[in-house]
Amino acid sequence: MIEHVWICPEVYAGEYMAVDVIFAKPLGCYIEIVQDEQLKSIRFVRINGELNERKTLPASLELADYFDGKMTGFSCECDISGLSQFTRKVLGETQKIGFGEIITYSELARNIGTKAYRAVGRALSCNPVPVVIPCHRVVARDGIGGYSEGLDIKEKLLELEKSTRSITFNISQRNVGAVPR
């Protein structure tokens, strides 16, 4: 086992943050959760070997339940205060996307009153708390789109939700199907 404590000093600048690590079996990787009063960050950790899991934070317990198929929503508050106003607006709207649902980048852009779907995609790539703010549920009109943690992770997250709730998305063929444009 590898002892593991990750902290991002350039982001957290000396503030004490609690850090947990869980293994997300459906994704085949570890997830690092950083939280104080609010959830600060979620990072996917791909490593050869094993890390010691630590599940002490409320967000860690909720994420573990999500990955076990026992939970479809999150109650933890997220700290996105350090992001631009536009990015906060995009992420706020993204939080409204229900479990097992998907929308397109252009639809999300329209929902916040803009046509700038590429800017929406860029804002989603800055999401410090993926999964909890479900940017994986936003896809391109003609395919899966991008994902800051890698398309394989996005596909696995959508599959996890699909196995719990039927969605109109064929991941294997990267076909959006009946998703509104």
N, C-alpha and C. Protein backbone atom coordinates (compact mmCIF):
# COMPACT_ATOMS: atom_id res chain seq x y z
N MET A 1 0.84 -1.19 0.00
CA MET A 1 0.00 0.00 0.00
C MET A 1 0.88 1.25 0.00
N ILE A 2 0.43 2.22 -0.71
CA ILE A 2 1.13 3.50 -0.79
C ILE A 2 0.40 4.47 0.13
N GLU A 3 1.12 5.08 1.05
CA GLU A 3 0.51 6.14 1.85
C GLU A 3 0.27 7.33 0.94
N HIS A 4 -0.85 7.98 1.14
CA HIS A 4 -1.24 9.00 0.17
C HIS A 4 -1.84 10.22 0.85
N VAL A 5 -1.20 11.33 0.72
CA VAL A 5 -1.80 12.61 1.08
C VAL A 5 -1.41 13.58 -0.01
N TRP A 6 -2.40 14.01 -0.76
CA TRP A 6 -2.18 14.98 -1.83
C TRP A 6 -2.77 16.29 -1.37
N ILE A 7 -2.09 17.34 -1.65
CA ILE A 7 -2.66 18.67 -1.41
C ILE A 7 -2.10 19.58 -2.49
N CYS A 8 -2.85 20.53 -2.86
CA CYS A 8 -2.46 21.41 -3.95
C CYS A 8 -2.14 22.78 -3.36
N PRO A 9 -0.87 23.02 -2.94
CA PRO A 9 -0.54 24.24 -2.21
C PRO A 9 -0.81 25.52 -2.99
N GLU A 10 -0.70 25.48 -4.31
CA GLU A 10 -0.96 26.70 -5.07
C GLU A 10 -2.44 27.09 -5.04
N VAL A 11 -3.32 26.14 -4.78
CA VAL A 11 -4.74 26.42 -4.69
C VAL A 11 -5.14 26.71 -3.26
N TYR A 12 -4.62 25.93 -2.33
CA TYR A 12 -5.08 26.02 -0.95
C TYR A 12 -4.17 26.83 -0.04
N ALA A 13 -3.05 27.30 -0.55
CA ALA A 13 -2.18 28.29 0.08
C ALA A 13 -2.10 28.19 1.60
N GLY A 14 -1.69 27.05 2.09
CA GLY A 14 -1.46 26.92 3.51
C GLY A 14 -2.68 26.64 4.37
N GLU A 15 -3.87 26.68 3.80
CA GLU A 15 -5.06 26.34 4.57
C GLU A 15 -5.08 24.84 4.83
N TYR A 16 -5.50 24.45 6.02
CA TYR A 16 -5.62 23.03 6.32
C TYR A 16 -6.88 22.50 5.65
N MET A 17 -6.72 21.43 4.91
CA MET A 17 -7.84 20.77 4.24
C MET A 17 -7.77 19.29 4.57
N ALA A 18 -8.92 18.71 4.83
CA ALA A 18 -8.99 17.27 5.02
C ALA A 18 -8.99 16.60 3.66
N VAL A 19 -8.25 15.52 3.53
CA VAL A 19 -8.13 14.81 2.26
C VAL A 19 -8.48 13.34 2.48
N ASP A 20 -9.40 12.84 1.68
CA ASP A 20 -9.75 11.43 1.67
C ASP A 20 -9.42 10.85 0.31
N VAL A 21 -9.29 9.54 0.27
CA VAL A 21 -9.08 8.82 -0.98
C VAL A 21 -10.02 7.61 -0.98
N ILE A 22 -10.78 7.46 -2.06
CA ILE A 22 -11.65 6.29 -2.21
C ILE A 22 -11.32 5.61 -3.54
N PHE A 23 -11.65 4.34 -3.61
CA PHE A 23 -11.49 3.64 -4.88
C PHE A 23 -12.85 3.57 -5.55
N ALA A 24 -12.93 4.09 -6.77
CA ALA A 24 -14.17 4.06 -7.55
C ALA A 24 -14.10 2.86 -8.48
N LYS A 25 -14.64 1.75 -8.03
CA LYS A 25 -14.54 0.50 -8.77
C LYS A 25 -15.06 0.61 -10.20
N PRO A 26 -16.24 1.26 -10.45
CA PRO A 26 -16.72 1.35 -11.83
C PRO A 26 -15.77 2.10 -12.77
N LEU A 27 -14.92 2.96 -12.20
CA LEU A 27 -13.99 3.73 -13.02
C LEU A 27 -12.60 3.09 -13.06
N GLY A 28 -12.33 2.23 -12.11
CA GLY A 28 -11.02 1.59 -12.05
C GLY A 28 -9.91 2.52 -11.61
N CYS A 29 -10.26 3.53 -10.82
CA CYS A 29 -9.24 4.46 -10.33
C CYS A 29 -9.62 4.98 -8.95
N TYR A 30 -8.67 5.63 -8.33
CA TYR A 30 -8.91 6.27 -7.04
C TYR A 30 -9.42 7.69 -7.26
N ILE A 31 -10.08 8.18 -6.24
CA ILE A 31 -10.56 9.56 -6.27
C ILE A 31 -10.10 10.24 -4.99
N GLU A 32 -9.48 11.40 -5.16
CA GLU A 32 -9.04 12.21 -4.04
C GLU A 32 -10.10 13.28 -3.79
N ILE A 33 -10.53 13.41 -2.55
CA ILE A 33 -11.55 14.38 -2.17
C ILE A 33 -10.94 15.34 -1.16
N VAL A 34 -11.03 16.63 -1.43
CA VAL A 34 -10.51 17.66 -0.53
C VAL A 34 -11.69 18.49 -0.05
N GLN A 35 -11.81 18.62 1.27
CA GLN A 35 -12.97 19.30 1.83
C GLN A 35 -12.61 19.96 3.15
N ASP A 36 -13.18 21.15 3.38
CA ASP A 36 -13.21 21.71 4.72
C ASP A 36 -14.69 21.86 5.05
N GLU A 37 -15.21 23.07 5.22
CA GLU A 37 -16.65 23.21 5.39
C GLU A 37 -17.39 22.88 4.10
N GLN A 38 -16.75 23.14 2.99
CA GLN A 38 -17.32 22.86 1.66
C GLN A 38 -16.36 21.95 0.89
N LEU A 39 -16.92 21.29 -0.11
CA LEU A 39 -16.12 20.45 -0.98
C LEU A 39 -15.25 21.35 -1.86
N LYS A 40 -13.95 21.13 -1.82
CA LYS A 40 -13.01 21.97 -2.57
C LYS A 40 -12.61 21.36 -3.91
N SER A 41 -12.30 20.06 -3.89
CA SER A 41 -11.88 19.45 -5.15
C SER A 41 -12.06 17.94 -5.14
N ILE A 42 -12.21 17.43 -6.35
CA ILE A 42 -12.24 15.99 -6.60
C ILE A 42 -11.26 15.76 -7.74
N ARG A 43 -10.32 14.85 -7.52
CA ARG A 43 -9.36 14.51 -8.57
C ARG A 43 -9.31 13.01 -8.76
N PHE A 44 -9.19 12.62 -10.00
CA PHE A 44 -9.09 11.21 -10.35
C PHE A 44 -7.61 10.83 -10.34
N VAL A 45 -7.27 9.78 -9.63
CA VAL A 45 -5.88 9.37 -9.47
C VAL A 45 -5.71 8.00 -10.10
N ARG A 46 -4.96 7.96 -11.17
CA ARG A 46 -4.66 6.69 -11.85
C ARG A 46 -3.24 6.31 -11.45
N ILE A 47 -3.13 5.17 -10.82
CA ILE A 47 -1.83 4.76 -10.30
C ILE A 47 -1.72 3.24 -10.41
N ASN A 48 -0.52 2.79 -10.71
CA ASN A 48 -0.27 1.34 -10.66
C ASN A 48 0.06 1.02 -9.21
N GLY A 49 -0.75 0.22 -8.60
CA GLY A 49 -0.59 -0.09 -7.19
C GLY A 49 -1.84 0.29 -6.43
N GLU A 50 -1.76 0.16 -5.13
CA GLU A 50 -2.92 0.45 -4.30
C GLU A 50 -2.62 1.61 -3.38
N LEU A 51 -3.63 2.39 -3.10
CA LEU A 51 -3.54 3.46 -2.12
C LEU A 51 -4.38 3.07 -0.91
N ASN A 52 -4.04 3.61 0.23
CA ASN A 52 -4.86 3.40 1.41
C ASN A 52 -6.11 4.27 1.29
N GLU A 53 -7.26 3.62 1.34
CA GLU A 53 -8.50 4.38 1.28
C GLU A 53 -8.75 5.04 2.63
N ARG A 54 -9.38 6.19 2.54
CA ARG A 54 -9.77 6.93 3.74
C ARG A 54 -11.12 7.55 3.42
N LYS A 55 -12.14 7.18 4.19
CA LYS A 55 -13.50 7.69 3.98
C LYS A 55 -14.01 8.31 5.27
N THR A 56 -13.63 9.56 5.50
CA THR A 56 -14.07 10.24 6.72
C THR A 56 -14.92 11.47 6.43
N LEU A 57 -14.83 11.99 5.24
CA LEU A 57 -15.55 13.21 4.89
C LEU A 57 -16.95 12.90 4.37
N PRO A 58 -17.91 13.78 4.62
CA PRO A 58 -19.26 13.56 4.10
C PRO A 58 -19.27 13.34 2.58
N ALA A 59 -18.50 14.12 1.85
CA ALA A 59 -18.46 13.97 0.38
C ALA A 59 -17.90 12.61 -0.01
N SER A 60 -16.92 12.10 0.73
CA SER A 60 -16.33 10.79 0.43
C SER A 60 -17.36 9.68 0.60
N LEU A 61 -18.13 9.78 1.65
CA LEU A 61 -19.16 8.76 1.91
C LEU A 61 -20.24 8.80 0.83
N GLU A 62 -20.64 10.02 0.43
CA GLU A 62 -21.64 10.14 -0.63
C GLU A 62 -21.11 9.63 -1.97
N LEU A 63 -19.87 9.96 -2.29
CA LEU A 63 -19.27 9.48 -3.54
C LEU A 63 -19.14 7.95 -3.54
N ALA A 64 -18.75 7.38 -2.41
CA ALA A 64 -18.66 5.92 -2.32
C ALA A 64 -20.03 5.29 -2.58
N ASP A 65 -21.08 5.87 -2.01
CA ASP A 65 -22.44 5.37 -2.25
C ASP A 65 -22.85 5.54 -3.71
N TYR A 66 -22.47 6.67 -4.33
CA TYR A 66 -22.77 6.91 -5.74
C TYR A 66 -22.12 5.82 -6.60
N PHE A 67 -20.86 5.53 -6.34
CA PHE A 67 -20.15 4.54 -7.15
C PHE A 67 -20.63 3.12 -6.87
N ASP A 68 -21.25 2.90 -5.73
CA ASP A 68 -21.86 1.60 -5.42
C ASP A 68 -23.29 1.50 -5.94
N GLY A 69 -23.79 2.55 -6.60
CA GLY A 69 -25.13 2.54 -7.15
C GLY A 69 -26.23 2.76 -6.12
N LYS A 70 -25.88 3.27 -4.95
CA LYS A 70 -26.84 3.48 -3.87
C LYS A 70 -27.33 4.91 -3.77
N MET A 71 -26.75 5.84 -4.52
CA MET A 71 -27.07 7.25 -4.37
C MET A 71 -27.09 7.91 -5.74
N THR A 72 -28.04 8.80 -5.96
CA THR A 72 -28.14 9.46 -7.26
C THR A 72 -27.98 10.98 -7.18
N GLY A 73 -27.75 11.51 -6.00
CA GLY A 73 -27.56 12.94 -5.83
C GLY A 73 -26.63 13.21 -4.66
N PHE A 74 -26.23 14.45 -4.52
CA PHE A 74 -25.26 14.82 -3.49
C PHE A 74 -25.81 15.98 -2.67
N SER A 75 -25.49 15.98 -1.38
CA SER A 75 -25.96 17.04 -0.51
C SER A 75 -24.84 18.01 -0.11
N CYS A 76 -23.59 17.67 -0.40
CA CYS A 76 -22.48 18.50 0.03
C CYS A 76 -22.42 19.81 -0.77
N GLU A 77 -22.08 20.87 -0.09
CA GLU A 77 -21.93 22.16 -0.75
C GLU A 77 -20.54 22.25 -1.36
N CYS A 78 -20.47 22.84 -2.55
CA CYS A 78 -19.20 22.95 -3.28
C CYS A 78 -18.69 24.38 -3.24
N ASP A 79 -17.40 24.52 -3.08
CA ASP A 79 -16.77 25.84 -3.11
C ASP A 79 -16.26 26.10 -4.53
N ILE A 80 -17.00 26.92 -5.26
CA ILE A 80 -16.57 27.32 -6.60
C ILE A 80 -16.35 28.84 -6.64
N SER A 81 -16.14 29.42 -5.46
CA SER A 81 -16.03 30.87 -5.34
C SER A 81 -14.82 31.45 -6.07
N GLY A 82 -13.78 30.67 -6.28
CA GLY A 82 -12.58 31.18 -6.94
C GLY A 82 -12.66 31.20 -8.46
N LEU A 83 -13.79 30.78 -9.01
CA LEU A 83 -13.96 30.71 -10.46
C LEU A 83 -14.62 31.98 -10.98
N SER A 84 -14.51 32.19 -12.27
CA SER A 84 -15.12 33.38 -12.88
C SER A 84 -16.64 33.32 -12.75
N GLN A 85 -17.28 34.47 -12.87
CA GLN A 85 -18.74 34.55 -12.78
C GLN A 85 -19.39 33.67 -13.85
N PHE A 86 -18.85 33.69 -15.06
CA PHE A 86 -19.40 32.88 -16.14
C PHE A 86 -19.30 31.39 -15.82
N THR A 87 -18.13 30.97 -15.33
CA THR A 87 -17.94 29.56 -14.99
C THR A 87 -18.88 29.14 -13.87
N ARG A 88 -19.04 30.00 -12.86
CA ARG A 88 -19.98 29.68 -11.77
C ARG A 88 -21.40 29.55 -12.30
N LYS A 89 -21.77 30.40 -13.26
CA LYS A 89 -23.11 30.33 -13.85
C LYS A 89 -23.30 29.01 -14.60
N VAL A 90 -22.29 28.63 -15.38
CA VAL A 90 -22.34 27.36 -16.12
C VAL A 90 -22.44 26.18 -15.16
N LEU A 91 -21.61 26.17 -14.13
CA LEU A 91 -21.62 25.05 -13.19
C LEU A 91 -22.91 25.02 -12.37
N GLY A 92 -23.46 26.18 -12.05
CA GLY A 92 -24.74 26.23 -11.35
C GLY A 92 -25.85 25.60 -12.17
N GLU A 93 -25.87 25.89 -13.46
CA GLU A 93 -26.87 25.30 -14.35
C GLU A 93 -26.62 23.81 -14.53
N THR A 94 -25.36 23.42 -14.57
CA THR A 94 -25.00 22.01 -14.72
C THR A 94 -25.50 21.18 -13.54
N GLN A 95 -25.50 21.77 -12.35
CA GLN A 95 -25.98 21.06 -11.16
C GLN A 95 -27.45 20.68 -11.27
N LYS A 96 -28.19 21.33 -12.16
CA LYS A 96 -29.62 21.05 -12.32
C LYS A 96 -29.88 19.83 -13.20
N ILE A 97 -28.85 19.32 -13.88
CA ILE A 97 -29.03 18.16 -14.76
C ILE A 97 -29.22 16.93 -13.88
N GLY A 98 -30.33 16.25 -14.05
CA GLY A 98 -30.66 15.11 -13.20
C GLY A 98 -29.82 13.88 -13.48
N PHE A 99 -29.77 13.01 -12.50
CA PHE A 99 -29.07 11.74 -12.61
C PHE A 99 -29.59 10.96 -13.82
N GLY A 100 -28.68 10.48 -14.66
CA GLY A 100 -29.07 9.69 -15.82
C GLY A 100 -29.55 10.50 -17.00
N GLU A 101 -29.56 11.82 -16.88
CA GLU A 101 -29.98 12.69 -17.99
C GLU A 101 -28.75 13.28 -18.65
N ILE A 102 -28.89 13.65 -19.91
CA ILE A 102 -27.82 14.35 -20.61
C ILE A 102 -28.41 15.52 -21.38
N ILE A 103 -27.58 16.53 -21.58
CA ILE A 103 -27.94 17.65 -22.46
C ILE A 103 -26.70 18.00 -23.28
N THR A 104 -26.91 18.78 -24.31
CA THR A 104 -25.78 19.18 -25.16
C THR A 104 -25.16 20.48 -24.64
N TYR A 105 -23.93 20.73 -25.10
CA TYR A 105 -23.26 21.98 -24.75
C TYR A 105 -24.10 23.17 -25.22
N SER A 106 -24.66 23.08 -26.43
CA SER A 106 -25.45 24.19 -26.95
C SER A 106 -26.74 24.39 -26.15
N GLU A 107 -27.34 23.31 -25.69
CA GLU A 107 -28.54 23.44 -24.86
C GLU A 107 -28.20 24.09 -23.52
N LEU A 108 -27.09 23.68 -22.94
CA LEU A 108 -26.65 24.29 -21.68
C LEU A 108 -26.37 25.78 -21.89
N ALA A 109 -25.74 26.11 -23.01
CA ALA A 109 -25.48 27.51 -23.33
C ALA A 109 -26.80 28.30 -23.41
N ARG A 110 -27.77 27.76 -24.12
CA ARG A 110 -29.08 28.43 -24.22
C ARG A 110 -29.73 28.60 -22.85
N ASN A 111 -29.58 27.60 -22.00
CA ASN A 111 -30.18 27.68 -20.66
C ASN A 111 -29.63 28.83 -19.83
N ILE A 112 -28.41 29.25 -20.11
CA ILE A 112 -27.84 30.37 -19.36
C ILE A 112 -27.86 31.67 -20.17
N GLY A 113 -28.52 31.64 -21.33
CA GLY A 113 -28.72 32.85 -22.11
C GLY A 113 -27.59 33.25 -23.02
N THR A 114 -26.85 32.27 -23.55
CA THR A 114 -25.77 32.57 -24.47
C THR A 114 -25.77 31.56 -25.61
N LYS A 115 -25.08 31.90 -26.69
CA LYS A 115 -24.89 30.96 -27.79
C LYS A 115 -23.47 30.37 -27.78
N ALA A 116 -22.69 30.79 -26.80
CA ALA A 116 -21.27 30.44 -26.75
C ALA A 116 -21.05 29.04 -26.16
N TYR A 117 -21.42 28.02 -26.95
CA TYR A 117 -21.32 26.65 -26.44
C TYR A 117 -19.87 26.22 -26.22
N ARG A 118 -18.93 26.78 -26.98
CA ARG A 118 -17.52 26.43 -26.76
C ARG A 118 -17.02 27.01 -25.44
N ALA A 119 -17.48 28.21 -25.12
CA ALA A 119 -17.12 28.81 -23.83
C ALA A 119 -17.72 28.00 -22.68
N VAL A 120 -18.91 27.45 -22.91
CA VAL A 120 -19.53 26.58 -21.91
C VAL A 120 -18.65 25.34 -21.70
N GLY A 121 -18.19 24.75 -22.79
CA GLY A 121 -17.30 23.59 -22.69
C GLY A 121 -16.03 23.93 -21.93
N ARG A 122 -15.48 25.09 -22.20
CA ARG A 122 -14.26 25.53 -21.50
C ARG A 122 -14.54 25.72 -20.01
N ALA A 123 -15.68 26.31 -19.69
CA ALA A 123 -16.05 26.49 -18.28
C ALA A 123 -16.20 25.14 -17.58
N LEU A 124 -16.81 24.18 -18.26
CA LEU A 124 -16.96 22.85 -17.67
C LEU A 124 -15.61 22.20 -17.40
N SER A 125 -14.63 22.49 -18.24
CA SER A 125 -13.30 21.90 -18.05
C SER A 125 -12.61 22.43 -16.79
N CYS A 126 -13.13 23.52 -16.24
CA CYS A 126 -12.57 24.11 -15.01
C CYS A 126 -13.26 23.61 -13.75
N ASN A 127 -14.21 22.70 -13.90
CA ASN A 127 -14.99 22.19 -12.77
C ASN A 127 -14.06 21.52 -11.75
N PRO A 128 -13.96 22.08 -10.54
CA PRO A 128 -13.08 21.47 -9.55
C PRO A 128 -13.68 20.25 -8.84
N VAL A 129 -14.99 20.04 -9.02
CA VAL A 129 -15.67 18.95 -8.32
C VAL A 129 -16.51 18.11 -9.29
N PRO A 130 -15.84 17.49 -10.29
CA PRO A 130 -16.59 16.65 -11.22
C PRO A 130 -17.31 15.53 -10.48
N VAL A 131 -18.34 15.04 -11.05
CA VAL A 131 -19.27 14.04 -10.53
C VAL A 131 -20.30 14.75 -9.65
N VAL A 132 -19.88 15.49 -8.63
CA VAL A 132 -20.83 16.20 -7.78
C VAL A 132 -21.50 17.31 -8.59
N ILE A 133 -20.72 18.09 -9.32
CA ILE A 133 -21.27 18.97 -10.35
C ILE A 133 -21.08 18.17 -11.64
N PRO A 134 -22.16 17.61 -12.17
CA PRO A 134 -22.07 16.53 -13.17
C PRO A 134 -21.79 16.98 -14.61
N CYS A 135 -20.60 17.51 -14.83
CA CYS A 135 -20.24 17.96 -16.18
C CYS A 135 -20.16 16.79 -17.16
N HIS A 136 -20.06 15.56 -16.66
CA HIS A 136 -20.04 14.40 -17.55
C HIS A 136 -21.38 14.21 -18.26
N ARG A 137 -22.43 14.86 -17.78
CA ARG A 137 -23.76 14.73 -18.38
C ARG A 137 -23.98 15.71 -19.53
N VAL A 138 -22.96 16.46 -19.89
CA VAL A 138 -23.06 17.40 -21.00
C VAL A 138 -22.26 16.81 -22.16
N VAL A 139 -22.94 16.67 -23.31
CA VAL A 139 -22.33 16.01 -24.47
C VAL A 139 -22.43 16.92 -25.70
N ALA A 140 -21.69 16.56 -26.71
CA ALA A 140 -21.76 17.28 -27.99
C ALA A 140 -23.01 16.85 -28.76
N ARG A 141 -23.42 17.67 -29.69
CA ARG A 141 -24.59 17.33 -30.53
C ARG A 141 -24.39 16.05 -31.30
N ASP A 142 -23.16 15.82 -31.72
CA ASP A 142 -22.88 14.70 -32.60
C ASP A 142 -21.94 13.66 -31.97
N GLY A 143 -21.92 13.61 -30.66
CA GLY A 143 -21.06 12.63 -29.98
C GLY A 143 -20.95 12.92 -28.51
N ILE A 144 -19.94 12.33 -27.92
CA ILE A 144 -19.80 12.42 -26.47
C ILE A 144 -19.19 13.74 -26.00
N GLY A 145 -18.43 14.41 -26.85
CA GLY A 145 -17.77 15.66 -26.44
C GLY A 145 -16.48 15.36 -25.72
N GLY A 146 -16.05 16.27 -24.88
CA GLY A 146 -14.80 16.11 -24.15
C GLY A 146 -15.04 15.92 -22.67
N TYR A 147 -13.94 15.69 -21.95
CA TYR A 147 -14.02 15.57 -20.50
C TYR A 147 -12.61 15.76 -19.95
N SER A 148 -12.47 16.64 -18.98
CA SER A 148 -11.14 16.97 -18.47
C SER A 148 -10.43 15.76 -17.86
N GLU A 149 -11.18 14.78 -17.40
CA GLU A 149 -10.58 13.58 -16.79
C GLU A 149 -10.39 12.45 -17.79
N GLY A 150 -10.71 12.69 -19.04
CA GLY A 150 -10.56 11.68 -20.09
C GLY A 150 -11.90 11.10 -20.50
N LEU A 151 -12.02 10.82 -21.79
CA LEU A 151 -13.28 10.28 -22.31
C LEU A 151 -13.63 8.93 -21.72
N ASP A 152 -12.62 8.13 -21.37
CA ASP A 152 -12.92 6.83 -20.76
C ASP A 152 -13.65 6.99 -19.43
N ILE A 153 -13.27 7.99 -18.66
CA ILE A 153 -13.95 8.26 -17.38
C ILE A 153 -15.37 8.76 -17.64
N LYS A 154 -15.53 9.66 -18.60
CA LYS A 154 -16.87 10.16 -18.93
C LYS A 154 -17.79 9.02 -19.35
N GLU A 155 -17.28 8.16 -20.21
CA GLU A 155 -18.08 7.02 -20.67
C GLU A 155 -18.48 6.12 -19.51
N LYS A 156 -17.55 5.86 -18.60
CA LYS A 156 -17.85 4.99 -17.46
C LYS A 156 -18.86 5.63 -16.51
N LEU A 157 -18.77 6.95 -16.32
CA LEU A 157 -19.76 7.64 -15.48
C LEU A 157 -21.15 7.55 -16.10
N LEU A 158 -21.23 7.78 -17.41
CA LEU A 158 -22.53 7.69 -18.09
C LEU A 158 -23.06 6.26 -18.06
N GLU A 159 -22.19 5.28 -18.21
CA GLU A 159 -22.60 3.88 -18.13
C GLU A 159 -23.12 3.54 -16.74
N LEU A 160 -22.43 4.03 -15.71
CA LEU A 160 -22.85 3.80 -14.33
C LEU A 160 -24.27 4.32 -14.12
N GLU A 161 -24.54 5.53 -14.60
CA GLU A 161 -25.86 6.11 -14.44
C GLU A 161 -26.88 5.40 -15.32
N LYS A 162 -26.43 4.96 -16.50
CA LYS A 162 -27.33 4.24 -17.40
C LYS A 162 -27.76 2.92 -16.79
N SER A 163 -26.86 2.26 -16.08
CA SER A 163 -27.20 0.98 -15.47
C SER A 163 -28.21 1.14 -14.34
N THR A 164 -28.25 2.34 -13.76
CA THR A 164 -29.21 2.62 -12.70
C THR A 164 -30.50 3.19 -13.26
N ARG A 165 -30.39 3.94 -14.32
CA ARG A 165 -31.56 4.58 -14.94
C ARG A 165 -31.34 4.62 -16.44
N SER A 166 -32.31 4.26 -17.20
CA SER A 166 -32.18 4.23 -18.64
C SER A 166 -32.09 5.65 -19.20
N ILE A 167 -31.05 5.88 -20.00
CA ILE A 167 -30.91 7.17 -20.68
C ILE A 167 -30.78 6.93 -22.17
N THR A 168 -31.10 7.92 -22.96
CA THR A 168 -31.05 7.77 -24.41
C THR A 168 -29.67 8.17 -24.93
N PHE A 169 -28.72 7.31 -24.64
CA PHE A 169 -27.36 7.59 -25.05
C PHE A 169 -26.65 6.29 -25.32
N ASN A 170 -26.20 6.08 -26.52
CA ASN A 170 -25.50 4.86 -26.88
C ASN A 170 -24.01 5.17 -26.88
N ILE A 171 -23.37 4.87 -25.77
CA ILE A 171 -21.96 5.21 -25.61
C ILE A 171 -21.08 4.44 -26.59
N SER A 172 -21.37 3.18 -26.78
CA SER A 172 -20.49 2.37 -27.62
C SER A 172 -20.44 2.88 -29.05
N GLN A 173 -21.51 3.51 -29.53
CA GLN A 173 -21.53 4.05 -30.88
C GLN A 173 -21.31 5.56 -30.89
N ARG A 174 -21.14 6.16 -29.70
CA ARG A 174 -20.97 7.61 -29.56
C ARG A 174 -22.06 8.36 -30.34
N ASN A 175 -23.29 7.98 -30.09
CA ASN A 175 -24.43 8.54 -30.80
C ASN A 175 -25.35 9.19 -29.79
N VAL A 176 -25.60 10.47 -29.95
CA VAL A 176 -26.44 11.18 -29.00
C VAL A 176 -27.89 10.82 -29.17
N GLY A 177 -28.34 10.41 -30.31
CA GLY A 177 -29.72 9.98 -30.49
C GLY A 177 -30.72 11.10 -30.34
N ALA A 178 -31.66 10.96 -29.41
CA ALA A 178 -32.78 11.88 -29.29
C ALA A 178 -32.52 13.07 -28.39
N VAL A 179 -31.26 13.39 -28.13
CA VAL A 179 -30.94 14.52 -27.26
C VAL A 179 -31.28 15.81 -27.98
N PRO A 180 -31.93 16.77 -27.29
CA PRO A 180 -32.26 18.05 -27.93
C PRO A 180 -31.01 18.78 -28.38
N ARG A 181 -31.09 19.47 -29.48
CA ARG A 181 -29.93 20.23 -29.99
C ARG A 181 -30.08 21.70 -29.72
